[in-house]
Amino acid sequence: MKIIVIGGTGTIGKAVVEELSKRHTIVVAGHQHGDVQVDMRDGQSIERMYQSVGAFDAVVSTAGKVHFGDFTQMTPELYGVGLQDKLMGQVNLVLTGLRYINDKGSFTLTSGILNHDPIRFGSSASMVNGALDSFVKAAAIEMPRGIRINVISPTVLKESMPAYGDYFHGFEPVPATRVALAYSKSVEGAQTGQVYPVGY
């Protein structure tokens, strides 16, 4: 398969590339680095990425930003970071990608644990993750041409604990290599409309 990994230079993305590149051709897409560049917040940028890659069999998105902050200090603009980037960015990868992906291809998106197990300062992440999980379940029943869609929902990564550990006291982190297996399951399996939790 020819697989586009968006966010393939990040912590999860690198592990996914390492796992899937053993068996498939990988195109790494990043905001500034990678084989191709893409800004998920920009529909034209997404279109240019797909046009430059040509025919492909799967899209994996491990990208997406949200703002972590005290709920009493949150603003519509701060919520907008996650809504426009992690949520609508990934939704638009699917909407635009439908015109380019091969029959029986697949999309694999990324949400996260926080809509199931919320933390202080994580209300935006919880909201966006819940929306992504629901989007995938609903979109799966209307996907054309045998195309599948799933979402991976990992807990906090071991590799991310130095940066985010203060937010996740009491959580058991998992290595990125374990999370990468869920993406393999989604891309190389047959299920659709699934939320794959990792580490909880």
N, C-alpha and C. Protein backbone atom coordinates (compact mmCIF):
# COMPACT_ATOMS: atom_id res chain seq x y z
N MET A 1 0.83 -1.20 0.00
CA MET A 1 0.00 0.00 0.00
C MET A 1 0.87 1.26 0.00
N LYS A 2 0.33 2.31 -0.55
CA LYS A 2 0.94 3.64 -0.45
C LYS A 2 0.16 4.42 0.60
N ILE A 3 0.84 4.81 1.68
CA ILE A 3 0.19 5.39 2.86
C ILE A 3 0.76 6.77 3.13
N ILE A 4 -0.12 7.77 3.27
CA ILE A 4 0.30 9.11 3.68
C ILE A 4 0.18 9.19 5.20
N VAL A 5 1.29 9.52 5.87
CA VAL A 5 1.27 9.71 7.33
C VAL A 5 1.44 11.19 7.62
N ILE A 6 0.36 11.83 8.03
CA ILE A 6 0.38 13.26 8.34
C ILE A 6 0.78 13.42 9.79
N GLY A 7 1.78 14.27 10.02
CA GLY A 7 2.38 14.34 11.35
C GLY A 7 3.43 13.27 11.54
N GLY A 8 3.96 12.78 10.43
CA GLY A 8 4.90 11.65 10.47
C GLY A 8 6.26 11.97 11.06
N THR A 9 6.51 13.25 11.38
CA THR A 9 7.77 13.60 12.02
C THR A 9 7.61 13.80 13.53
N GLY A 10 6.37 13.63 14.04
CA GLY A 10 6.11 13.76 15.47
C GLY A 10 6.35 12.47 16.22
N THR A 11 6.09 12.47 17.50
CA THR A 11 6.40 11.32 18.35
C THR A 11 5.62 10.08 17.93
N ILE A 12 4.30 10.19 17.82
CA ILE A 12 3.51 9.05 17.37
C ILE A 12 3.79 8.78 15.89
N GLY A 13 3.84 9.83 15.11
CA GLY A 13 4.04 9.68 13.68
C GLY A 13 5.29 8.90 13.32
N LYS A 14 6.38 9.18 13.99
CA LYS A 14 7.63 8.46 13.71
C LYS A 14 7.48 6.97 14.00
N ALA A 15 6.79 6.66 15.09
CA ALA A 15 6.58 5.24 15.45
C ALA A 15 5.68 4.56 14.42
N VAL A 16 4.67 5.27 13.93
CA VAL A 16 3.78 4.72 12.90
C VAL A 16 4.54 4.48 11.60
N VAL A 17 5.37 5.44 11.22
CA VAL A 17 6.18 5.29 10.00
C VAL A 17 7.10 4.09 10.13
N GLU A 18 7.75 3.95 11.28
CA GLU A 18 8.66 2.82 11.48
C GLU A 18 7.92 1.49 11.38
N GLU A 19 6.71 1.42 11.96
CA GLU A 19 5.92 0.19 11.94
C GLU A 19 5.42 -0.15 10.53
N LEU A 20 4.84 0.83 9.85
CA LEU A 20 4.21 0.55 8.56
C LEU A 20 5.20 0.48 7.40
N SER A 21 6.34 1.15 7.54
CA SER A 21 7.32 1.14 6.45
C SER A 21 7.97 -0.22 6.25
N LYS A 22 7.80 -1.12 7.21
CA LYS A 22 8.32 -2.49 7.04
C LYS A 22 7.59 -3.22 5.91
N ARG A 23 6.36 -2.77 5.62
CA ARG A 23 5.52 -3.51 4.68
C ARG A 23 4.93 -2.65 3.56
N HIS A 24 5.05 -1.33 3.68
CA HIS A 24 4.34 -0.45 2.74
C HIS A 24 5.21 0.74 2.34
N THR A 25 4.78 1.44 1.31
CA THR A 25 5.42 2.69 0.88
C THR A 25 4.80 3.83 1.65
N ILE A 26 5.64 4.62 2.32
CA ILE A 26 5.16 5.69 3.19
C ILE A 26 5.53 7.05 2.61
N VAL A 27 4.55 7.96 2.61
CA VAL A 27 4.79 9.36 2.29
C VAL A 27 4.55 10.15 3.58
N VAL A 28 5.61 10.79 4.08
CA VAL A 28 5.51 11.56 5.32
C VAL A 28 5.10 13.00 4.99
N ALA A 29 4.02 13.44 5.61
CA ALA A 29 3.55 14.82 5.43
C ALA A 29 3.67 15.56 6.75
N GLY A 30 4.25 16.75 6.70
CA GLY A 30 4.40 17.55 7.90
C GLY A 30 4.14 19.01 7.62
N HIS A 31 4.02 19.78 8.69
CA HIS A 31 3.76 21.22 8.53
C HIS A 31 4.95 21.91 7.88
N GLN A 32 6.16 21.51 8.29
CA GLN A 32 7.37 22.12 7.73
C GLN A 32 8.35 21.08 7.18
N HIS A 33 8.25 19.85 7.67
CA HIS A 33 9.21 18.81 7.28
C HIS A 33 8.46 17.63 6.66
N GLY A 34 9.22 16.71 6.08
CA GLY A 34 8.62 15.53 5.49
C GLY A 34 8.77 15.51 3.98
N ASP A 35 8.20 14.49 3.36
CA ASP A 35 8.24 14.36 1.91
C ASP A 35 7.37 15.41 1.23
N VAL A 36 6.25 15.75 1.86
CA VAL A 36 5.36 16.81 1.39
C VAL A 36 4.95 17.65 2.59
N GLN A 37 4.56 18.90 2.33
CA GLN A 37 4.13 19.79 3.40
C GLN A 37 2.62 19.99 3.33
N VAL A 38 2.01 20.15 4.50
CA VAL A 38 0.57 20.41 4.56
C VAL A 38 0.24 21.19 5.83
N ASP A 39 -0.68 22.13 5.69
CA ASP A 39 -1.27 22.84 6.82
C ASP A 39 -2.72 22.37 6.90
N MET A 40 -3.05 21.57 7.91
CA MET A 40 -4.39 21.00 8.00
C MET A 40 -5.48 22.04 8.16
N ARG A 41 -5.13 23.25 8.57
CA ARG A 41 -6.12 24.31 8.75
C ARG A 41 -6.49 24.98 7.42
N ASP A 42 -5.77 24.63 6.37
CA ASP A 42 -5.91 25.28 5.07
C ASP A 42 -6.37 24.27 4.02
N GLY A 43 -7.61 24.41 3.56
CA GLY A 43 -8.16 23.46 2.60
C GLY A 43 -7.36 23.38 1.31
N GLN A 44 -6.84 24.51 0.86
CA GLN A 44 -6.05 24.50 -0.36
C GLN A 44 -4.72 23.76 -0.17
N SER A 45 -4.15 23.88 1.02
CA SER A 45 -2.91 23.17 1.32
C SER A 45 -3.16 21.66 1.31
N ILE A 46 -4.29 21.22 1.87
CA ILE A 46 -4.65 19.80 1.85
C ILE A 46 -4.82 19.32 0.41
N GLU A 47 -5.50 20.11 -0.40
CA GLU A 47 -5.71 19.76 -1.81
C GLU A 47 -4.36 19.60 -2.53
N ARG A 48 -3.46 20.55 -2.31
CA ARG A 48 -2.14 20.49 -2.98
C ARG A 48 -1.37 19.26 -2.55
N MET A 49 -1.46 18.89 -1.26
CA MET A 49 -0.77 17.69 -0.79
C MET A 49 -1.25 16.46 -1.53
N TYR A 50 -2.57 16.28 -1.60
CA TYR A 50 -3.11 15.10 -2.26
C TYR A 50 -2.76 15.09 -3.75
N GLN A 51 -2.80 16.24 -4.38
CA GLN A 51 -2.45 16.31 -5.80
C GLN A 51 -1.00 15.94 -6.03
N SER A 52 -0.12 16.35 -5.13
CA SER A 52 1.32 16.07 -5.31
C SER A 52 1.65 14.61 -5.05
N VAL A 53 0.90 13.96 -4.16
CA VAL A 53 1.16 12.56 -3.82
C VAL A 53 0.68 11.62 -4.92
N GLY A 54 -0.46 11.95 -5.54
CA GLY A 54 -1.04 11.05 -6.53
C GLY A 54 -1.85 9.96 -5.85
N ALA A 55 -2.10 8.87 -6.58
CA ALA A 55 -2.95 7.79 -6.05
C ALA A 55 -2.36 7.21 -4.77
N PHE A 56 -3.23 6.91 -3.80
CA PHE A 56 -2.77 6.34 -2.53
C PHE A 56 -3.86 5.46 -1.95
N ASP A 57 -3.48 4.66 -0.96
CA ASP A 57 -4.39 3.67 -0.39
C ASP A 57 -4.86 3.98 1.02
N ALA A 58 -4.13 4.80 1.74
CA ALA A 58 -4.50 5.07 3.14
C ALA A 58 -3.93 6.41 3.58
N VAL A 59 -4.66 7.04 4.49
CA VAL A 59 -4.21 8.25 5.17
C VAL A 59 -4.20 7.97 6.66
N VAL A 60 -3.10 8.29 7.30
CA VAL A 60 -2.99 8.23 8.76
C VAL A 60 -2.70 9.64 9.25
N SER A 61 -3.52 10.16 10.14
CA SER A 61 -3.26 11.47 10.73
C SER A 61 -2.89 11.31 12.19
N THR A 62 -1.67 11.73 12.53
CA THR A 62 -1.24 11.75 13.92
C THR A 62 -0.99 13.20 14.37
N ALA A 63 -1.57 14.14 13.64
CA ALA A 63 -1.34 15.56 13.90
C ALA A 63 -2.57 16.20 14.54
N GLY A 64 -2.37 17.38 15.09
CA GLY A 64 -3.48 18.14 15.63
C GLY A 64 -3.14 18.85 16.93
N LYS A 65 -3.40 20.16 16.97
CA LYS A 65 -3.09 20.96 18.15
C LYS A 65 -4.36 21.33 18.90
N VAL A 66 -4.26 21.39 20.23
CA VAL A 66 -5.31 21.94 21.08
C VAL A 66 -4.65 22.83 22.12
N HIS A 67 -5.42 23.73 22.71
CA HIS A 67 -4.89 24.59 23.77
C HIS A 67 -5.26 24.02 25.13
N PHE A 68 -4.25 23.84 25.98
CA PHE A 68 -4.47 23.43 27.37
C PHE A 68 -4.48 24.69 28.24
N GLY A 69 -5.56 24.86 29.01
CA GLY A 69 -5.63 26.04 29.86
C GLY A 69 -6.75 25.94 30.88
N ASP A 70 -6.64 26.75 31.93
CA ASP A 70 -7.66 26.85 32.98
C ASP A 70 -9.01 27.20 32.34
N PHE A 71 -10.01 26.40 32.67
CA PHE A 71 -11.33 26.59 32.07
C PHE A 71 -11.86 28.01 32.28
N THR A 72 -11.60 28.59 33.46
CA THR A 72 -12.13 29.93 33.74
C THR A 72 -11.43 31.00 32.92
N GLN A 73 -10.31 30.63 32.31
CA GLN A 73 -9.56 31.58 31.48
C GLN A 73 -9.71 31.30 29.99
N MET A 74 -10.44 30.26 29.65
CA MET A 74 -10.60 29.91 28.23
C MET A 74 -11.48 30.94 27.51
N THR A 75 -11.21 31.11 26.22
CA THR A 75 -11.97 32.03 25.37
C THR A 75 -12.39 31.29 24.11
N PRO A 76 -13.35 31.83 23.35
CA PRO A 76 -13.70 31.20 22.08
C PRO A 76 -12.49 31.03 21.17
N GLU A 77 -11.58 31.99 21.21
CA GLU A 77 -10.39 31.91 20.36
C GLU A 77 -9.49 30.76 20.77
N LEU A 78 -9.35 30.54 22.08
CA LEU A 78 -8.50 29.44 22.55
C LEU A 78 -9.14 28.09 22.24
N TYR A 79 -10.46 27.99 22.38
CA TYR A 79 -11.14 26.77 21.95
C TYR A 79 -11.00 26.58 20.44
N GLY A 80 -10.97 27.68 19.73
CA GLY A 80 -10.85 27.62 18.29
C GLY A 80 -9.58 26.96 17.80
N VAL A 81 -8.51 27.00 18.60
CA VAL A 81 -7.26 26.34 18.21
C VAL A 81 -7.52 24.86 17.93
N GLY A 82 -8.13 24.17 18.90
CA GLY A 82 -8.40 22.75 18.73
C GLY A 82 -9.48 22.47 17.70
N LEU A 83 -10.48 23.33 17.66
CA LEU A 83 -11.59 23.13 16.72
C LEU A 83 -11.12 23.24 15.27
N GLN A 84 -10.28 24.23 14.99
CA GLN A 84 -9.82 24.44 13.62
C GLN A 84 -8.68 23.52 13.23
N ASP A 85 -7.83 23.16 14.19
CA ASP A 85 -6.65 22.36 13.88
C ASP A 85 -6.93 20.87 14.03
N LYS A 86 -7.03 20.39 15.26
CA LYS A 86 -7.16 18.94 15.46
C LYS A 86 -8.48 18.39 14.96
N LEU A 87 -9.59 19.11 15.17
CA LEU A 87 -10.89 18.59 14.75
C LEU A 87 -11.14 18.80 13.26
N MET A 88 -11.34 20.05 12.84
CA MET A 88 -11.69 20.29 11.44
C MET A 88 -10.52 20.00 10.50
N GLY A 89 -9.30 20.12 10.99
CA GLY A 89 -8.17 19.73 10.16
C GLY A 89 -8.26 18.28 9.74
N GLN A 90 -8.56 17.40 10.70
CA GLN A 90 -8.67 15.98 10.38
C GLN A 90 -9.94 15.66 9.59
N VAL A 91 -11.04 16.35 9.92
CA VAL A 91 -12.26 16.16 9.15
C VAL A 91 -12.03 16.55 7.69
N ASN A 92 -11.33 17.64 7.47
CA ASN A 92 -11.07 18.10 6.10
C ASN A 92 -10.10 17.19 5.36
N LEU A 93 -9.19 16.54 6.07
CA LEU A 93 -8.34 15.53 5.43
C LEU A 93 -9.19 14.43 4.81
N VAL A 94 -10.28 14.07 5.51
CA VAL A 94 -11.18 13.03 5.02
C VAL A 94 -12.04 13.55 3.87
N LEU A 95 -12.67 14.70 4.07
CA LEU A 95 -13.58 15.23 3.05
C LEU A 95 -12.87 15.45 1.73
N THR A 96 -11.69 16.04 1.77
CA THR A 96 -10.93 16.27 0.54
C THR A 96 -10.33 14.97 0.03
N GLY A 97 -9.84 14.15 0.95
CA GLY A 97 -9.19 12.91 0.56
C GLY A 97 -10.09 11.93 -0.15
N LEU A 98 -11.40 12.03 0.08
CA LEU A 98 -12.34 11.12 -0.58
C LEU A 98 -12.25 11.22 -2.11
N ARG A 99 -11.85 12.38 -2.60
CA ARG A 99 -11.76 12.57 -4.05
C ARG A 99 -10.50 11.95 -4.64
N TYR A 100 -9.57 11.58 -3.78
CA TYR A 100 -8.26 11.12 -4.26
C TYR A 100 -7.93 9.68 -3.87
N ILE A 101 -8.47 9.20 -2.78
CA ILE A 101 -8.09 7.89 -2.24
C ILE A 101 -8.60 6.76 -3.13
N ASN A 102 -7.83 5.69 -3.21
CA ASN A 102 -8.23 4.52 -4.00
C ASN A 102 -9.45 3.83 -3.39
N ASP A 103 -10.19 3.09 -4.21
CA ASP A 103 -11.28 2.27 -3.71
C ASP A 103 -10.77 1.35 -2.60
N LYS A 104 -11.61 1.13 -1.60
CA LYS A 104 -11.29 0.27 -0.45
C LYS A 104 -10.09 0.78 0.36
N GLY A 105 -9.82 2.07 0.25
CA GLY A 105 -8.78 2.68 1.06
C GLY A 105 -9.25 2.92 2.48
N SER A 106 -8.42 3.61 3.28
CA SER A 106 -8.81 3.87 4.67
C SER A 106 -8.23 5.17 5.18
N PHE A 107 -8.96 5.76 6.11
CA PHE A 107 -8.50 6.92 6.87
C PHE A 107 -8.39 6.51 8.33
N THR A 108 -7.30 6.89 8.98
CA THR A 108 -7.13 6.65 10.42
C THR A 108 -6.78 7.97 11.08
N LEU A 109 -7.65 8.44 11.97
CA LEU A 109 -7.47 9.72 12.64
C LEU A 109 -6.98 9.49 14.08
N THR A 110 -6.73 10.59 14.79
CA THR A 110 -6.24 10.50 16.17
C THR A 110 -7.08 11.39 17.08
N SER A 111 -7.61 10.80 18.17
CA SER A 111 -8.29 11.58 19.21
C SER A 111 -7.44 11.49 20.48
N GLY A 112 -7.95 10.84 21.54
CA GLY A 112 -7.17 10.72 22.77
C GLY A 112 -8.05 10.42 23.96
N ILE A 113 -7.43 10.14 25.08
CA ILE A 113 -8.11 9.63 26.27
C ILE A 113 -9.00 10.66 26.98
N LEU A 114 -8.78 11.95 26.74
CA LEU A 114 -9.33 12.95 27.66
C LEU A 114 -10.84 13.12 27.61
N ASN A 115 -11.51 12.69 26.55
CA ASN A 115 -12.98 12.74 26.60
C ASN A 115 -13.56 11.61 27.43
N HIS A 116 -12.74 10.59 27.73
CA HIS A 116 -13.16 9.49 28.61
C HIS A 116 -12.68 9.70 30.04
N ASP A 117 -11.54 10.35 30.19
CA ASP A 117 -10.89 10.50 31.50
C ASP A 117 -10.31 11.92 31.58
N PRO A 118 -11.16 12.92 31.84
CA PRO A 118 -10.72 14.32 31.74
C PRO A 118 -9.76 14.73 32.85
N ILE A 119 -9.01 15.78 32.54
CA ILE A 119 -8.03 16.35 33.47
C ILE A 119 -8.25 17.86 33.57
N ARG A 120 -7.67 18.47 34.61
CA ARG A 120 -7.65 19.93 34.69
C ARG A 120 -6.93 20.50 33.47
N PHE A 121 -7.43 21.60 32.97
CA PHE A 121 -6.85 22.33 31.83
C PHE A 121 -7.05 21.62 30.50
N GLY A 122 -7.82 20.52 30.48
CA GLY A 122 -7.97 19.74 29.25
C GLY A 122 -9.34 19.81 28.62
N SER A 123 -10.15 20.84 28.95
CA SER A 123 -11.53 20.86 28.44
C SER A 123 -11.57 20.94 26.91
N SER A 124 -10.64 21.66 26.30
CA SER A 124 -10.63 21.75 24.84
C SER A 124 -10.28 20.41 24.21
N ALA A 125 -9.28 19.75 24.76
CA ALA A 125 -8.89 18.43 24.25
C ALA A 125 -10.02 17.43 24.42
N SER A 126 -10.71 17.46 25.56
CA SER A 126 -11.84 16.56 25.79
C SER A 126 -12.93 16.78 24.76
N MET A 127 -13.25 18.04 24.50
CA MET A 127 -14.29 18.38 23.54
C MET A 127 -13.93 17.91 22.13
N VAL A 128 -12.73 18.20 21.71
CA VAL A 128 -12.29 17.83 20.35
C VAL A 128 -12.20 16.32 20.19
N ASN A 129 -11.66 15.63 21.19
CA ASN A 129 -11.55 14.17 21.09
C ASN A 129 -12.91 13.51 20.99
N GLY A 130 -13.86 13.99 21.79
CA GLY A 130 -15.21 13.43 21.73
C GLY A 130 -15.85 13.65 20.37
N ALA A 131 -15.63 14.83 19.80
CA ALA A 131 -16.17 15.12 18.47
C ALA A 131 -15.55 14.22 17.41
N LEU A 132 -14.26 13.98 17.50
CA LEU A 132 -13.59 13.12 16.52
C LEU A 132 -14.10 11.68 16.61
N ASP A 133 -14.24 11.17 17.83
CA ASP A 133 -14.76 9.81 17.99
C ASP A 133 -16.15 9.69 17.37
N SER A 134 -17.01 10.67 17.61
CA SER A 134 -18.37 10.64 17.08
C SER A 134 -18.38 10.81 15.57
N PHE A 135 -17.53 11.68 15.07
CA PHE A 135 -17.44 11.89 13.62
C PHE A 135 -17.11 10.59 12.89
N VAL A 136 -16.12 9.86 13.41
CA VAL A 136 -15.68 8.63 12.76
C VAL A 136 -16.79 7.59 12.75
N LYS A 137 -17.49 7.44 13.87
CA LYS A 137 -18.59 6.46 13.94
C LYS A 137 -19.68 6.79 12.93
N ALA A 138 -20.00 8.08 12.79
CA ALA A 138 -21.06 8.49 11.88
C ALA A 138 -20.61 8.44 10.42
N ALA A 139 -19.39 8.91 10.15
CA ALA A 139 -18.90 8.95 8.77
C ALA A 139 -18.77 7.54 8.20
N ALA A 140 -18.44 6.58 9.05
CA ALA A 140 -18.20 5.22 8.57
C ALA A 140 -19.42 4.63 7.86
N ILE A 141 -20.62 5.00 8.29
CA ILE A 141 -21.81 4.39 7.70
C ILE A 141 -22.17 5.00 6.35
N GLU A 142 -21.48 6.10 5.97
CA GLU A 142 -21.76 6.73 4.69
C GLU A 142 -20.55 6.75 3.75
N MET A 143 -19.49 6.06 4.11
CA MET A 143 -18.28 6.06 3.28
C MET A 143 -18.55 5.35 1.95
N PRO A 144 -18.17 5.95 0.83
CA PRO A 144 -18.38 5.33 -0.48
C PRO A 144 -17.26 4.37 -0.85
N ARG A 145 -17.47 3.59 -1.86
CA ARG A 145 -16.43 2.79 -2.54
C ARG A 145 -15.66 1.85 -1.62
N GLY A 146 -16.31 1.40 -0.56
CA GLY A 146 -15.64 0.47 0.34
C GLY A 146 -14.55 1.08 1.19
N ILE A 147 -14.54 2.41 1.31
CA ILE A 147 -13.51 3.11 2.10
C ILE A 147 -13.84 2.99 3.59
N ARG A 148 -12.83 2.76 4.39
CA ARG A 148 -12.99 2.60 5.83
C ARG A 148 -12.45 3.83 6.56
N ILE A 149 -12.93 4.01 7.81
CA ILE A 149 -12.42 5.08 8.66
C ILE A 149 -12.46 4.64 10.12
N ASN A 150 -11.35 4.87 10.83
CA ASN A 150 -11.25 4.57 12.26
C ASN A 150 -10.50 5.71 12.96
N VAL A 151 -10.49 5.68 14.29
CA VAL A 151 -9.76 6.68 15.05
C VAL A 151 -9.02 5.99 16.20
N ILE A 152 -7.77 6.41 16.43
CA ILE A 152 -6.95 5.89 17.52
C ILE A 152 -7.04 6.86 18.69
N SER A 153 -7.28 6.32 19.89
CA SER A 153 -7.45 7.16 21.08
C SER A 153 -6.44 6.72 22.14
N PRO A 154 -5.22 7.25 22.09
CA PRO A 154 -4.20 6.82 23.06
C PRO A 154 -4.25 7.61 24.35
N THR A 155 -3.73 6.97 25.41
CA THR A 155 -3.44 7.71 26.64
C THR A 155 -2.15 8.49 26.43
N VAL A 156 -1.65 9.12 27.46
CA VAL A 156 -0.42 9.91 27.35
C VAL A 156 0.77 8.99 27.03
N LEU A 157 1.69 9.49 26.24
CA LEU A 157 2.86 8.72 25.83
C LEU A 157 3.99 8.82 26.84
N LYS A 158 4.74 7.74 26.98
CA LYS A 158 5.94 7.79 27.82
C LYS A 158 6.88 8.90 27.36
N GLU A 159 7.02 9.01 26.04
CA GLU A 159 7.94 9.99 25.47
C GLU A 159 7.50 11.42 25.73
N SER A 160 6.22 11.62 26.02
CA SER A 160 5.68 12.97 26.23
C SER A 160 5.64 13.37 27.70
N MET A 161 5.97 12.46 28.59
CA MET A 161 5.87 12.77 30.02
C MET A 161 6.75 13.94 30.47
N PRO A 162 7.96 14.11 29.93
CA PRO A 162 8.74 15.28 30.35
C PRO A 162 8.03 16.60 30.09
N ALA A 163 7.25 16.67 29.01
CA ALA A 163 6.55 17.91 28.67
C ALA A 163 5.17 17.99 29.29
N TYR A 164 4.45 16.86 29.38
CA TYR A 164 3.04 16.88 29.78
C TYR A 164 2.76 16.14 31.08
N GLY A 165 3.79 15.60 31.73
CA GLY A 165 3.59 14.79 32.92
C GLY A 165 2.84 15.49 34.04
N ASP A 166 3.02 16.80 34.17
CA ASP A 166 2.34 17.53 35.24
C ASP A 166 0.82 17.57 35.05
N TYR A 167 0.36 17.37 33.80
CA TYR A 167 -1.07 17.31 33.53
C TYR A 167 -1.65 15.93 33.83
N PHE A 168 -0.79 14.91 33.84
CA PHE A 168 -1.27 13.52 33.81
C PHE A 168 -0.82 12.70 35.03
N HIS A 169 -0.83 13.32 36.21
CA HIS A 169 -0.52 12.56 37.43
C HIS A 169 -1.53 11.42 37.60
N GLY A 170 -1.02 10.22 37.88
CA GLY A 170 -1.89 9.07 38.10
C GLY A 170 -2.19 8.28 36.85
N PHE A 171 -1.80 8.78 35.68
CA PHE A 171 -2.01 8.06 34.42
C PHE A 171 -0.80 7.16 34.15
N GLU A 172 -1.05 5.98 33.62
CA GLU A 172 0.05 5.09 33.23
C GLU A 172 0.37 5.34 31.76
N PRO A 173 1.53 5.91 31.45
CA PRO A 173 1.86 6.21 30.06
C PRO A 173 2.22 4.95 29.28
N VAL A 174 2.09 5.05 27.96
CA VAL A 174 2.45 3.93 27.07
C VAL A 174 3.48 4.41 26.06
N PRO A 175 4.34 3.50 25.60
CA PRO A 175 5.34 3.90 24.59
C PRO A 175 4.70 4.10 23.23
N ALA A 176 5.29 4.96 22.42
CA ALA A 176 4.76 5.24 21.09
C ALA A 176 4.72 3.98 20.22
N THR A 177 5.65 3.06 20.44
CA THR A 177 5.67 1.83 19.64
C THR A 177 4.41 1.01 19.87
N ARG A 178 3.88 1.03 21.09
CA ARG A 178 2.62 0.31 21.36
C ARG A 178 1.45 1.01 20.68
N VAL A 179 1.44 2.33 20.72
CA VAL A 179 0.37 3.09 20.07
C VAL A 179 0.38 2.83 18.57
N ALA A 180 1.57 2.72 18.00
CA ALA A 180 1.70 2.52 16.55
C ALA A 180 1.01 1.24 16.08
N LEU A 181 0.94 0.24 16.95
CA LEU A 181 0.29 -1.02 16.56
C LEU A 181 -1.19 -0.82 16.27
N ALA A 182 -1.83 0.11 16.97
CA ALA A 182 -3.25 0.37 16.73
C ALA A 182 -3.47 0.96 15.34
N TYR A 183 -2.53 1.79 14.90
CA TYR A 183 -2.63 2.35 13.55
C TYR A 183 -2.45 1.24 12.51
N SER A 184 -1.56 0.31 12.78
CA SER A 184 -1.39 -0.85 11.90
C SER A 184 -2.68 -1.65 11.83
N LYS A 185 -3.31 -1.85 12.97
CA LYS A 185 -4.58 -2.60 13.02
C LYS A 185 -5.64 -1.92 12.18
N SER A 186 -5.71 -0.59 12.25
CA SER A 186 -6.70 0.14 11.49
C SER A 186 -6.42 0.08 9.99
N VAL A 187 -5.18 0.34 9.61
CA VAL A 187 -4.82 0.41 8.19
C VAL A 187 -4.86 -0.97 7.53
N GLU A 188 -4.32 -1.96 8.22
CA GLU A 188 -4.14 -3.27 7.60
C GLU A 188 -5.29 -4.24 7.91
N GLY A 189 -6.21 -3.83 8.78
CA GLY A 189 -7.34 -4.68 9.13
C GLY A 189 -8.53 -4.43 8.24
N ALA A 190 -9.71 -4.85 8.72
CA ALA A 190 -10.93 -4.75 7.92
C ALA A 190 -12.04 -3.97 8.62
N GLN A 191 -11.82 -3.54 9.86
CA GLN A 191 -12.89 -2.88 10.60
C GLN A 191 -13.06 -1.43 10.18
N THR A 192 -14.25 -0.89 10.44
CA THR A 192 -14.51 0.52 10.16
C THR A 192 -15.44 1.09 11.23
N GLY A 193 -15.37 2.40 11.41
CA GLY A 193 -16.20 3.07 12.42
C GLY A 193 -15.79 2.78 13.83
N GLN A 194 -14.53 2.39 14.03
CA GLN A 194 -14.06 1.97 15.34
C GLN A 194 -13.23 3.06 16.03
N VAL A 195 -13.36 3.12 17.36
CA VAL A 195 -12.45 3.90 18.20
C VAL A 195 -11.55 2.89 18.88
N TYR A 196 -10.25 2.96 18.61
CA TYR A 196 -9.30 2.03 19.22
C TYR A 196 -8.60 2.71 20.40
N PRO A 197 -9.00 2.41 21.64
CA PRO A 197 -8.29 2.96 22.79
C PRO A 197 -6.96 2.24 23.00
N VAL A 198 -5.95 3.00 23.40
CA VAL A 198 -4.64 2.40 23.68
C VAL A 198 -4.19 2.86 25.07
N GLY A 199 -4.05 1.92 25.97
CA GLY A 199 -3.53 2.23 27.30
C GLY A 199 -4.60 2.53 28.34
N TYR A 200 -5.86 2.30 28.00
CA TYR A 200 -6.94 2.49 28.99
C TYR A 200 -8.15 1.67 28.60
